[in-house]
Amino acid sequence: MKAIRVKVLPAGPKDVWREMRMLDNDQTRGCFAGTKRLAFALGMEEDTIRKCRQHLQRLGMLESENRREGRRFVWQWYPTLPVGCVPTGPSDDEIERSRDRLEAHIAAVLRGGHRTSPKRKQKDRGGTAVPAGEVAKDVLKGYPGTPPKRIKDDLRRYPSRV
């Protein structure tokens, strides 16, 4: 990642990716550092961190997931590299080949070519009309324990929406 030329990937997204990679706990928990934490650590504005994250997500180099931790939800981030862009050894030739593959991947995505499909399930980010019943079923499917009485009553009261 450090070997990528600045004209291909600016320093901001590179720094954000490297910091998140350093804070990445493991494959299951990822990095859960917030925008403020990253902005403070890197000496950037919070808005710049958000833009860098969006840019890295478009390139397929950062995945996110909103997970429940107790009573609150926490964004978790997974810095990734496209398939074939991870060096298999520490030799300069291997690092150069991996860098060239990653730069080609970035150029293709920015041109509108291909994008690697993320390993995690794609989530609907809005813009689509989804029936309320389908949303309720999705919510209840991942809900630990029994749903609150209010939700059960709503599902019984409006069966046409389910």
Protein backbone atom coordinates (compact mmCIF):
# COMPACT_ATOMS: atom_id res chain seq x y z
CA MET A 1 0.00 0.00 0.00
CA LYS A 2 2.83 2.40 0.79
CA ALA A 3 4.35 1.75 -2.64
CA ILE A 4 1.34 3.09 -4.57
CA ARG A 5 2.15 6.28 -6.42
CA VAL A 6 0.48 9.47 -5.15
CA LYS A 7 -0.91 10.27 -8.61
CA VAL A 8 -2.91 7.00 -8.44
CA LEU A 9 -4.04 7.17 -4.80
CA PRO A 10 -3.58 10.42 -2.85
CA ALA A 11 -1.84 10.45 0.52
CA GLY A 12 -5.05 11.07 2.51
CA PRO A 13 -6.85 7.82 1.66
CA LYS A 14 -3.56 5.93 1.96
CA ASP A 15 -2.97 7.26 5.46
CA VAL A 16 -6.55 6.50 6.52
CA TRP A 17 -6.32 2.94 5.13
CA ARG A 18 -2.98 2.30 6.86
CA GLU A 19 -4.20 3.66 10.21
CA MET A 20 -7.35 1.56 10.01
CA ARG A 21 -5.29 -1.48 9.06
CA MET A 22 -3.09 -0.89 12.09
CA LEU A 23 -6.18 -0.64 14.33
CA ASP A 24 -7.85 -3.67 12.73
CA ASN A 25 -8.37 -6.17 15.56
CA ASP A 26 -8.95 -9.31 13.52
CA GLN A 27 -11.06 -10.64 10.65
CA THR A 28 -14.24 -10.77 12.73
CA ARG A 29 -14.14 -7.49 14.66
CA GLY A 30 -12.33 -5.14 12.29
CA CYS A 31 -11.41 -1.56 13.17
CA PHE A 32 -13.99 0.33 15.17
CA ALA A 33 -12.17 3.64 15.53
CA GLY A 34 -14.54 6.53 15.02
CA THR A 35 -14.14 9.51 12.73
CA LYS A 36 -12.99 11.76 15.59
CA ARG A 37 -10.36 9.25 16.71
CA LEU A 38 -8.93 8.89 13.20
CA ALA A 39 -9.03 12.64 12.58
CA PHE A 40 -7.09 13.25 15.79
CA ALA A 41 -4.55 10.49 15.10
CA LEU A 42 -3.87 11.62 11.53
CA GLY A 43 -4.19 15.38 12.00
CA MET A 44 -7.06 15.64 9.49
CA GLU A 45 -10.53 17.10 9.54
CA GLU A 46 -13.43 14.74 10.28
CA ASP A 47 -15.00 15.52 6.90
CA THR A 48 -11.74 14.53 5.19
CA ILE A 49 -11.79 11.18 7.00
CA ARG A 50 -15.37 10.57 5.81
CA LYS A 51 -14.45 11.41 2.21
CA CYS A 52 -11.38 9.16 2.34
CA ARG A 53 -13.47 6.28 3.67
CA GLN A 54 -16.03 6.76 0.88
CA HIS A 55 -13.27 6.84 -1.72
CA LEU A 56 -11.71 3.65 -0.35
CA GLN A 57 -15.11 1.93 -0.31
CA ARG A 58 -15.67 2.84 -3.97
CA LEU A 59 -12.29 1.30 -4.77
CA GLY A 60 -13.21 -1.90 -2.93
CA MET A 61 -10.42 -1.39 -0.38
CA LEU A 62 -12.62 -0.78 2.65
CA GLU A 63 -15.72 -2.59 3.82
CA SER A 64 -18.03 -1.51 6.61
CA GLU A 65 -20.59 -3.12 8.82
CA ASN A 66 -22.91 -1.69 11.46
CA ARG A 67 -22.90 -4.13 14.39
CA ARG A 68 -24.80 -4.20 17.61
CA GLU A 69 -22.70 -4.02 20.77
CA GLY A 70 -24.97 -4.17 23.77
CA ARG A 71 -27.56 -1.41 23.48
CA ARG A 72 -25.80 0.59 20.77
CA PHE A 73 -24.65 0.11 17.21
CA VAL A 74 -21.00 0.50 16.24
CA TRP A 75 -19.54 0.91 12.76
CA GLN A 76 -16.78 -1.58 12.10
CA TRP A 77 -14.36 -1.16 9.24
CA TYR A 78 -12.42 -3.85 7.38
CA PRO A 79 -9.45 -2.62 5.31
CA THR A 80 -8.97 -5.02 2.40
CA LEU A 81 -7.00 -5.38 -0.80
CA PRO A 82 -8.38 -6.79 -4.05
CA VAL A 83 -7.54 -10.38 -4.94
CA GLY A 84 -4.07 -10.69 -6.43
CA CYS A 85 -2.85 -7.38 -5.00
CA VAL A 86 -1.40 -8.75 -1.77
CA PRO A 87 2.35 -9.43 -1.99
CA THR A 88 3.21 -13.07 -1.29
CA GLY A 89 6.73 -12.28 -0.13
CA PRO A 90 8.97 -9.43 0.98
CA SER A 91 11.04 -9.24 -2.23
CA ASP A 92 11.15 -5.95 -4.13
CA ASP A 93 10.00 -7.64 -7.35
CA GLU A 94 6.91 -9.10 -5.66
CA ILE A 95 6.04 -5.77 -4.04
CA GLU A 96 6.41 -4.01 -7.39
CA ARG A 97 4.16 -6.57 -9.15
CA SER A 98 1.52 -6.23 -6.42
CA ARG A 99 1.72 -2.44 -6.62
CA ASP A 100 1.25 -2.54 -10.40
CA ARG A 101 -1.78 -4.83 -10.06
CA LEU A 102 -3.31 -2.58 -7.38
CA GLU A 103 -2.70 0.56 -9.44
CA ALA A 104 -4.31 -1.12 -12.47
CA HIS A 105 -7.29 -2.09 -10.31
CA ILE A 106 -7.68 1.47 -9.00
CA ALA A 107 -7.40 2.92 -12.51
CA ALA A 108 -10.06 0.49 -13.80
CA VAL A 109 -12.48 1.38 -11.00
CA LEU A 110 -11.97 5.11 -11.49
CA ARG A 111 -12.54 4.70 -15.25
CA GLY A 112 -15.81 2.93 -14.47
CA GLY A 113 -14.51 -0.53 -15.32
CA HIS A 114 -14.80 -3.26 -12.74
CA ARG A 115 -15.15 -3.31 -9.01
CA THR A 116 -14.36 -6.24 -6.82
CA SER A 117 -17.42 -7.59 -5.10
CA PRO A 118 -17.16 -7.28 -1.34
CA LYS A 119 -17.04 -10.47 0.71
CA ARG A 120 -19.66 -9.22 3.12
CA LYS A 121 -23.33 -9.04 2.24
CA GLN A 122 -24.29 -5.85 0.44
CA LYS A 123 -26.84 -3.85 2.40
CA ASP A 124 -29.53 -1.61 0.99
CA ARG A 125 -28.37 1.97 1.53
CA GLY A 126 -31.71 3.55 0.61
CA GLY A 127 -33.33 4.73 -2.55
CA THR A 128 -35.44 1.60 -3.03
CA ALA A 129 -39.03 1.21 -1.95
CA VAL A 130 -39.24 -1.79 0.37
CA PRO A 131 -42.59 -2.91 1.84
CA ALA A 132 -42.84 -2.27 5.57
CA GLY A 133 -43.54 -5.95 6.28
CA GLU A 134 -40.28 -6.99 4.62
CA VAL A 135 -38.37 -4.48 6.73
CA ALA A 136 -40.08 -5.77 9.90
CA LYS A 137 -39.21 -9.38 8.99
CA ASP A 138 -35.56 -8.40 8.42
CA VAL A 139 -35.46 -6.56 11.73
CA LEU A 140 -37.05 -9.45 13.62
CA LYS A 141 -34.78 -12.03 11.97
CA GLY A 142 -31.66 -10.49 13.51
CA TYR A 143 -33.33 -9.52 16.79
CA PRO A 144 -32.02 -11.45 19.82
CA GLY A 145 -34.87 -12.86 21.88
CA THR A 146 -38.52 -12.10 21.36
CA PRO A 147 -39.62 -8.89 19.65
CA PRO A 148 -41.28 -6.18 21.72
CA LYS A 149 -45.05 -6.43 22.11
CA ARG A 150 -45.55 -3.24 20.08
CA ILE A 151 -43.90 -4.78 17.00
CA LYS A 152 -45.90 -8.01 17.34
CA ASP A 153 -49.15 -6.01 17.61
CA ASP A 154 -48.27 -3.95 14.53
CA LEU A 155 -47.59 -7.10 12.53
CA ARG A 156 -50.96 -8.57 13.56
CA ARG A 157 -52.81 -5.28 12.99
CA TYR A 158 -51.44 -4.74 9.46
CA PRO A 159 -51.13 -8.18 7.87
CA SER A 160 -51.36 -6.76 4.35
CA ARG A 161 -48.07 -4.97 4.89
CA VAL A 162 -46.27 -8.14 5.95
